């Protein structure tokens, strides 16, 4: 047990040392499946998102960059590109909806590919 860390009764045996109910190989496999799969999914999502953003027109990409990369408000974004805050809000809603739909579509295609490969 590391200094300063309180013992966890669910993970310790009678002698007070920490142990696991799983064998080392089971723990490693569980660790890999829970730690790496979400990371791979995130990478896939980011790659998909990047390609979806690349397909947007220049103004939509600029709005996303100002709003999320530069963290400007909708009003500040509108002032920079000559639109009202309300129009920026509507455009953002449309852009984000398109990106979400594209990611969901890519996710569905990825599930189909995994089923074909595994089945």
N, C-alpha and C. Protein backbone atom coordinates (compact mmCIF):
# COMPACT_ATOMS: atom_id res chain seq x y z
N UNK A 1 0.85 -1.17 0.00
CA UNK A 1 0.00 0.00 0.00
C UNK A 1 0.89 1.22 0.00
N UNK A 2 0.51 2.26 -0.79
CA UNK A 2 1.31 3.46 -0.86
C UNK A 2 1.05 4.32 0.35
N UNK A 3 2.09 5.06 0.82
CA UNK A 3 1.88 5.96 1.96
C UNK A 3 0.83 7.00 1.62
N UNK A 4 0.01 7.35 2.58
CA UNK A 4 -1.00 8.38 2.41
C UNK A 4 -2.28 7.89 1.74
N UNK A 5 -2.32 6.64 1.33
CA UNK A 5 -3.52 6.10 0.69
C UNK A 5 -4.25 5.22 1.68
N UNK A 6 -5.53 5.49 1.85
CA UNK A 6 -6.34 4.72 2.79
C UNK A 6 -6.58 3.33 2.21
N UNK A 7 -6.56 2.30 3.07
CA UNK A 7 -6.82 0.95 2.57
C UNK A 7 -8.26 0.83 2.09
N UNK A 8 -8.45 0.03 1.09
CA UNK A 8 -9.77 -0.23 0.55
C UNK A 8 -10.17 -1.62 1.01
N UNK A 9 -11.15 -1.73 1.92
CA UNK A 9 -11.52 -3.03 2.46
C UNK A 9 -11.94 -4.03 1.39
N UNK A 10 -12.50 -3.54 0.31
CA UNK A 10 -12.95 -4.46 -0.75
C UNK A 10 -11.78 -5.05 -1.50
N UNK A 11 -10.60 -4.43 -1.41
CA UNK A 11 -9.43 -4.89 -2.16
C UNK A 11 -8.33 -5.42 -1.27
N UNK A 12 -8.57 -5.63 -0.01
CA UNK A 12 -7.49 -6.09 0.84
C UNK A 12 -7.86 -7.42 1.48
N UNK A 13 -6.82 -8.22 1.78
CA UNK A 13 -7.07 -9.48 2.45
C UNK A 13 -6.89 -9.29 3.95
N UNK A 14 -6.94 -10.34 4.72
CA UNK A 14 -6.88 -10.22 6.18
C UNK A 14 -5.57 -9.63 6.68
N UNK A 15 -4.48 -9.79 5.93
CA UNK A 15 -3.20 -9.27 6.40
C UNK A 15 -3.04 -7.80 6.12
N UNK A 16 -4.02 -7.18 5.46
CA UNK A 16 -3.97 -5.75 5.21
C UNK A 16 -3.30 -5.40 3.90
N UNK A 17 -2.75 -6.38 3.18
CA UNK A 17 -2.13 -6.05 1.90
C UNK A 17 -3.19 -6.12 0.82
N UNK A 18 -3.02 -5.25 -0.19
CA UNK A 18 -4.00 -5.19 -1.26
C UNK A 18 -3.84 -6.39 -2.17
N UNK A 19 -4.96 -6.93 -2.59
CA UNK A 19 -4.94 -8.02 -3.56
C UNK A 19 -6.14 -7.86 -4.45
N UNK A 20 -6.18 -8.65 -5.48
CA UNK A 20 -7.29 -8.59 -6.41
C UNK A 20 -7.94 -9.95 -6.48
N UNK A 21 -9.24 -9.97 -6.70
CA UNK A 21 -9.94 -11.24 -6.84
C UNK A 21 -9.64 -11.87 -8.19
N UNK A 22 -9.11 -11.06 -9.15
CA UNK A 22 -8.79 -11.56 -10.48
C UNK A 22 -7.34 -12.02 -10.53
N UNK A 23 -7.07 -12.95 -11.42
CA UNK A 23 -5.68 -13.34 -11.66
C UNK A 23 -5.00 -12.19 -12.40
N UNK A 24 -3.68 -12.12 -12.38
CA UNK A 24 -2.98 -11.05 -13.08
C UNK A 24 -3.33 -10.98 -14.56
N UNK A 25 -3.48 -12.12 -15.21
CA UNK A 25 -3.81 -12.09 -16.64
C UNK A 25 -5.22 -11.56 -16.87
N UNK A 26 -6.16 -11.91 -15.99
CA UNK A 26 -7.52 -11.39 -16.12
C UNK A 26 -7.52 -9.88 -15.90
N UNK A 27 -6.79 -9.43 -14.92
CA UNK A 27 -6.73 -8.00 -14.64
C UNK A 27 -6.12 -7.24 -15.80
N UNK A 28 -5.07 -7.79 -16.40
CA UNK A 28 -4.42 -7.13 -17.54
C UNK A 28 -5.36 -7.07 -18.73
N UNK A 29 -6.08 -8.17 -18.97
CA UNK A 29 -7.01 -8.19 -20.10
C UNK A 29 -8.13 -7.18 -19.87
N UNK A 30 -8.66 -7.13 -18.67
CA UNK A 30 -9.71 -6.18 -18.35
C UNK A 30 -9.19 -4.77 -18.49
N UNK A 31 -8.00 -4.53 -18.00
CA UNK A 31 -7.40 -3.21 -18.09
C UNK A 31 -7.25 -2.79 -19.54
N UNK A 32 -6.75 -3.68 -20.38
CA UNK A 32 -6.57 -3.35 -21.80
C UNK A 32 -7.91 -3.06 -22.46
N UNK A 33 -8.90 -3.88 -22.19
CA UNK A 33 -10.18 -3.70 -22.87
C UNK A 33 -10.89 -2.43 -22.42
N UNK A 34 -10.76 -2.06 -21.18
CA UNK A 34 -11.45 -0.86 -20.72
C UNK A 34 -10.63 0.40 -20.97
N UNK A 35 -9.31 0.28 -21.03
CA UNK A 35 -8.49 1.47 -21.19
C UNK A 35 -8.23 1.78 -22.66
N UNK A 36 -8.05 0.79 -23.50
CA UNK A 36 -7.67 1.09 -24.87
C UNK A 36 -8.85 1.22 -25.81
N UNK A 37 -9.89 0.46 -25.63
CA UNK A 37 -11.02 0.57 -26.54
C UNK A 37 -11.61 1.97 -26.59
N UNK A 38 -11.91 2.60 -25.45
CA UNK A 38 -12.42 3.97 -25.52
C UNK A 38 -11.42 4.91 -26.19
N UNK A 39 -10.14 4.69 -25.98
CA UNK A 39 -9.13 5.55 -26.62
C UNK A 39 -9.17 5.37 -28.13
N UNK A 40 -9.29 4.13 -28.60
CA UNK A 40 -9.38 3.89 -30.03
C UNK A 40 -10.66 4.51 -30.60
N UNK A 41 -11.74 4.38 -29.87
CA UNK A 41 -13.00 4.98 -30.32
C UNK A 41 -12.87 6.49 -30.41
N UNK A 42 -12.20 7.11 -29.43
CA UNK A 42 -12.00 8.56 -29.46
C UNK A 42 -11.18 8.96 -30.67
N UNK A 43 -10.12 8.22 -30.96
CA UNK A 43 -9.30 8.52 -32.13
C UNK A 43 -10.12 8.39 -33.40
N UNK A 44 -10.91 7.34 -33.51
CA UNK A 44 -11.78 7.17 -34.67
C UNK A 44 -12.75 8.34 -34.79
N UNK A 45 -13.34 8.75 -33.66
CA UNK A 45 -14.28 9.87 -33.67
C UNK A 45 -13.59 11.16 -34.11
N UNK A 46 -12.37 11.40 -33.61
CA UNK A 46 -11.65 12.62 -33.98
C UNK A 46 -11.28 12.61 -35.46
N UNK A 47 -10.87 11.45 -35.97
CA UNK A 47 -10.56 11.35 -37.40
C UNK A 47 -11.82 11.60 -38.23
N UNK A 48 -12.92 11.01 -37.82
CA UNK A 48 -14.19 11.22 -38.54
C UNK A 48 -14.60 12.68 -38.47
N UNK A 49 -14.48 13.27 -37.29
CA UNK A 49 -14.86 14.66 -37.11
C UNK A 49 -14.00 15.56 -37.99
N UNK A 50 -12.71 15.28 -38.04
CA UNK A 50 -11.81 16.08 -38.88
C UNK A 50 -12.22 16.04 -40.34
N UNK A 51 -12.55 14.87 -40.83
CA UNK A 51 -12.96 14.77 -42.24
C UNK A 51 -14.31 15.45 -42.47
N UNK A 52 -15.20 15.37 -41.49
CA UNK A 52 -16.49 16.06 -41.63
C UNK A 52 -16.31 17.57 -41.62
N UNK A 53 -15.46 18.07 -40.76
CA UNK A 53 -15.20 19.51 -40.70
C UNK A 53 -14.56 19.98 -42.00
N UNK A 54 -13.66 19.18 -42.56
CA UNK A 54 -12.99 19.55 -43.81
C UNK A 54 -14.00 19.71 -44.95
N UNK A 55 -15.11 19.00 -44.88
CA UNK A 55 -16.14 19.09 -45.93
C UNK A 55 -17.02 20.33 -45.79
N UNK A 56 -16.98 20.98 -44.63
CA UNK A 56 -17.79 22.19 -44.43
C UNK A 56 -17.25 23.32 -45.28
N UNK A 57 -18.12 24.29 -45.58
CA UNK A 57 -17.62 25.46 -46.32
C UNK A 57 -16.77 26.35 -45.40
N UNK A 58 -16.06 27.28 -46.01
CA UNK A 58 -15.10 28.11 -45.28
C UNK A 58 -15.75 28.86 -44.13
N UNK A 59 -16.94 29.43 -44.35
CA UNK A 59 -17.60 30.20 -43.30
C UNK A 59 -17.97 29.32 -42.11
N UNK A 60 -18.48 28.12 -42.37
CA UNK A 60 -18.85 27.22 -41.27
C UNK A 60 -17.61 26.83 -40.46
N UNK A 61 -16.50 26.54 -41.15
CA UNK A 61 -15.26 26.20 -40.44
C UNK A 61 -14.76 27.39 -39.62
N UNK A 62 -14.90 28.58 -40.17
CA UNK A 62 -14.47 29.79 -39.44
C UNK A 62 -15.33 29.99 -38.19
N UNK A 63 -16.62 29.78 -38.31
CA UNK A 63 -17.52 29.92 -37.15
C UNK A 63 -17.12 28.92 -36.06
N UNK A 64 -16.87 27.67 -36.45
CA UNK A 64 -16.45 26.67 -35.47
C UNK A 64 -15.13 27.06 -34.81
N UNK A 65 -14.20 27.54 -35.60
CA UNK A 65 -12.89 27.92 -35.06
C UNK A 65 -13.01 29.08 -34.08
N UNK A 66 -13.78 30.09 -34.45
CA UNK A 66 -13.94 31.25 -33.56
C UNK A 66 -14.66 30.86 -32.28
N UNK A 67 -15.71 30.08 -32.42
CA UNK A 67 -16.55 29.74 -31.26
C UNK A 67 -15.86 28.75 -30.31
N UNK A 68 -15.23 27.71 -30.87
CA UNK A 68 -14.71 26.65 -30.02
C UNK A 68 -13.20 26.69 -29.84
N UNK A 69 -12.46 26.98 -30.89
CA UNK A 69 -11.00 27.02 -30.74
C UNK A 69 -10.56 28.31 -30.03
N UNK A 70 -11.15 29.44 -30.44
CA UNK A 70 -10.78 30.71 -29.81
C UNK A 70 -11.69 31.05 -28.64
N UNK A 71 -12.72 30.25 -28.43
CA UNK A 71 -13.64 30.38 -27.30
C UNK A 71 -14.33 31.75 -27.24
N UNK A 72 -14.68 32.29 -28.41
CA UNK A 72 -15.43 33.54 -28.44
C UNK A 72 -16.90 33.24 -28.19
N UNK A 73 -17.61 34.23 -27.69
CA UNK A 73 -19.06 34.08 -27.52
C UNK A 73 -19.71 34.13 -28.90
N UNK A 74 -20.98 33.78 -28.97
CA UNK A 74 -21.69 33.87 -30.24
C UNK A 74 -21.74 35.31 -30.73
N UNK A 75 -21.92 36.25 -29.81
CA UNK A 75 -21.96 37.67 -30.19
C UNK A 75 -20.60 38.11 -30.74
N UNK A 76 -19.51 37.73 -30.08
CA UNK A 76 -18.17 38.09 -30.55
C UNK A 76 -17.88 37.44 -31.90
N UNK A 77 -18.30 36.19 -32.05
CA UNK A 77 -18.13 35.49 -33.33
C UNK A 77 -18.87 36.24 -34.43
N UNK A 78 -20.10 36.63 -34.14
CA UNK A 78 -20.91 37.37 -35.12
C UNK A 78 -20.27 38.69 -35.52
N UNK A 79 -19.74 39.42 -34.54
CA UNK A 79 -19.08 40.69 -34.85
C UNK A 79 -17.88 40.48 -35.76
N UNK A 80 -17.13 39.40 -35.52
CA UNK A 80 -15.93 39.13 -36.33
C UNK A 80 -16.26 38.83 -37.79
N UNK A 81 -17.40 38.17 -38.01
CA UNK A 81 -17.72 37.78 -39.39
C UNK A 81 -18.90 38.54 -39.98
N UNK A 82 -19.42 39.51 -39.23
CA UNK A 82 -20.47 40.38 -39.76
C UNK A 82 -21.87 39.79 -39.72
N UNK A 83 -22.15 38.98 -38.71
CA UNK A 83 -23.48 38.39 -38.56
C UNK A 83 -24.02 38.70 -37.17
N UNK A 84 -25.33 38.60 -37.02
CA UNK A 84 -25.92 38.80 -35.70
C UNK A 84 -25.67 37.58 -34.83
N UNK A 85 -25.76 37.79 -33.53
CA UNK A 85 -25.59 36.69 -32.58
C UNK A 85 -26.64 35.60 -32.84
N UNK A 86 -27.85 36.01 -33.17
CA UNK A 86 -28.93 35.05 -33.43
C UNK A 86 -28.61 34.21 -34.66
N UNK A 87 -28.08 34.86 -35.71
CA UNK A 87 -27.77 34.12 -36.92
C UNK A 87 -26.62 33.13 -36.66
N UNK A 88 -25.62 33.55 -35.87
CA UNK A 88 -24.53 32.65 -35.50
C UNK A 88 -25.09 31.46 -34.73
N UNK A 89 -26.02 31.70 -33.83
CA UNK A 89 -26.64 30.61 -33.06
C UNK A 89 -27.33 29.62 -33.98
N UNK A 90 -28.07 30.12 -34.96
CA UNK A 90 -28.76 29.24 -35.90
C UNK A 90 -27.77 28.45 -36.74
N UNK A 91 -26.73 29.13 -37.21
CA UNK A 91 -25.71 28.45 -38.01
C UNK A 91 -25.00 27.37 -37.20
N UNK A 92 -24.65 27.70 -35.96
CA UNK A 92 -24.00 26.70 -35.10
C UNK A 92 -24.89 25.49 -34.87
N UNK A 93 -26.17 25.74 -34.65
CA UNK A 93 -27.10 24.62 -34.44
C UNK A 93 -27.12 23.73 -35.67
N UNK A 94 -27.16 24.33 -36.86
CA UNK A 94 -27.17 23.54 -38.10
C UNK A 94 -25.84 22.80 -38.27
N UNK A 95 -24.73 23.50 -38.09
CA UNK A 95 -23.41 22.89 -38.27
C UNK A 95 -23.22 21.72 -37.31
N UNK A 96 -23.52 21.93 -36.04
CA UNK A 96 -23.34 20.86 -35.04
C UNK A 96 -24.27 19.69 -35.31
N UNK A 97 -25.48 19.98 -35.78
CA UNK A 97 -26.41 18.91 -36.13
C UNK A 97 -25.86 18.08 -37.29
N UNK A 98 -25.29 18.74 -38.29
CA UNK A 98 -24.70 18.02 -39.43
C UNK A 98 -23.51 17.17 -38.98
N UNK A 99 -22.66 17.74 -38.12
CA UNK A 99 -21.50 16.98 -37.63
C UNK A 99 -21.95 15.78 -36.81
N UNK A 100 -22.94 15.98 -35.96
CA UNK A 100 -23.46 14.89 -35.13
C UNK A 100 -24.03 13.78 -36.02
N UNK A 101 -24.81 14.17 -37.01
CA UNK A 101 -25.40 13.18 -37.92
C UNK A 101 -24.30 12.43 -38.67
N UNK A 102 -23.27 13.15 -39.09
CA UNK A 102 -22.16 12.50 -39.79
C UNK A 102 -21.42 11.52 -38.91
N UNK A 103 -21.20 11.90 -37.65
CA UNK A 103 -20.53 10.98 -36.72
C UNK A 103 -21.38 9.75 -36.45
N UNK A 104 -22.67 9.94 -36.27
CA UNK A 104 -23.56 8.80 -36.03
C UNK A 104 -23.60 7.89 -37.25
N UNK A 105 -23.59 8.48 -38.43
CA UNK A 105 -23.59 7.68 -39.66
C UNK A 105 -22.29 6.89 -39.76
N UNK A 106 -21.15 7.54 -39.47
CA UNK A 106 -19.86 6.84 -39.48
C UNK A 106 -19.82 5.74 -38.44
N UNK A 107 -20.40 6.01 -37.26
CA UNK A 107 -20.42 5.01 -36.19
C UNK A 107 -21.22 3.79 -36.62
N UNK A 108 -22.33 4.00 -37.29
CA UNK A 108 -23.16 2.90 -37.77
C UNK A 108 -22.41 2.09 -38.82
N UNK A 109 -21.72 2.77 -39.73
CA UNK A 109 -20.92 2.06 -40.74
C UNK A 109 -19.80 1.28 -40.07
N UNK A 110 -19.17 1.84 -39.05
CA UNK A 110 -18.10 1.14 -38.33
C UNK A 110 -18.62 -0.09 -37.63
N UNK A 111 -19.81 -0.03 -37.07
CA UNK A 111 -20.43 -1.19 -36.42
C UNK A 111 -20.69 -2.27 -37.45
N UNK A 112 -21.17 -1.88 -38.63
CA UNK A 112 -21.42 -2.86 -39.69
C UNK A 112 -20.12 -3.54 -40.12
N UNK A 113 -19.04 -2.76 -40.25
CA UNK A 113 -17.75 -3.34 -40.65
C UNK A 113 -17.24 -4.31 -39.59
N UNK A 114 -17.39 -3.94 -38.30
CA UNK A 114 -16.94 -4.84 -37.23
C UNK A 114 -17.74 -6.13 -37.23
N UNK A 115 -19.06 -6.04 -37.46
CA UNK A 115 -19.89 -7.24 -37.50
C UNK A 115 -19.50 -8.12 -38.67
N UNK A 116 -19.21 -7.51 -39.85
CA UNK A 116 -18.78 -8.29 -41.00
C UNK A 116 -17.47 -9.00 -40.72
N UNK A 117 -16.53 -8.30 -40.10
CA UNK A 117 -15.21 -8.84 -39.81
C UNK A 117 -15.30 -9.95 -38.77
N UNK A 118 -16.12 -9.73 -37.72
CA UNK A 118 -16.22 -10.70 -36.63
C UNK A 118 -17.15 -11.87 -36.96
N UNK A 119 -18.10 -11.64 -37.85
CA UNK A 119 -19.13 -12.64 -38.10
C UNK A 119 -18.78 -13.60 -39.13
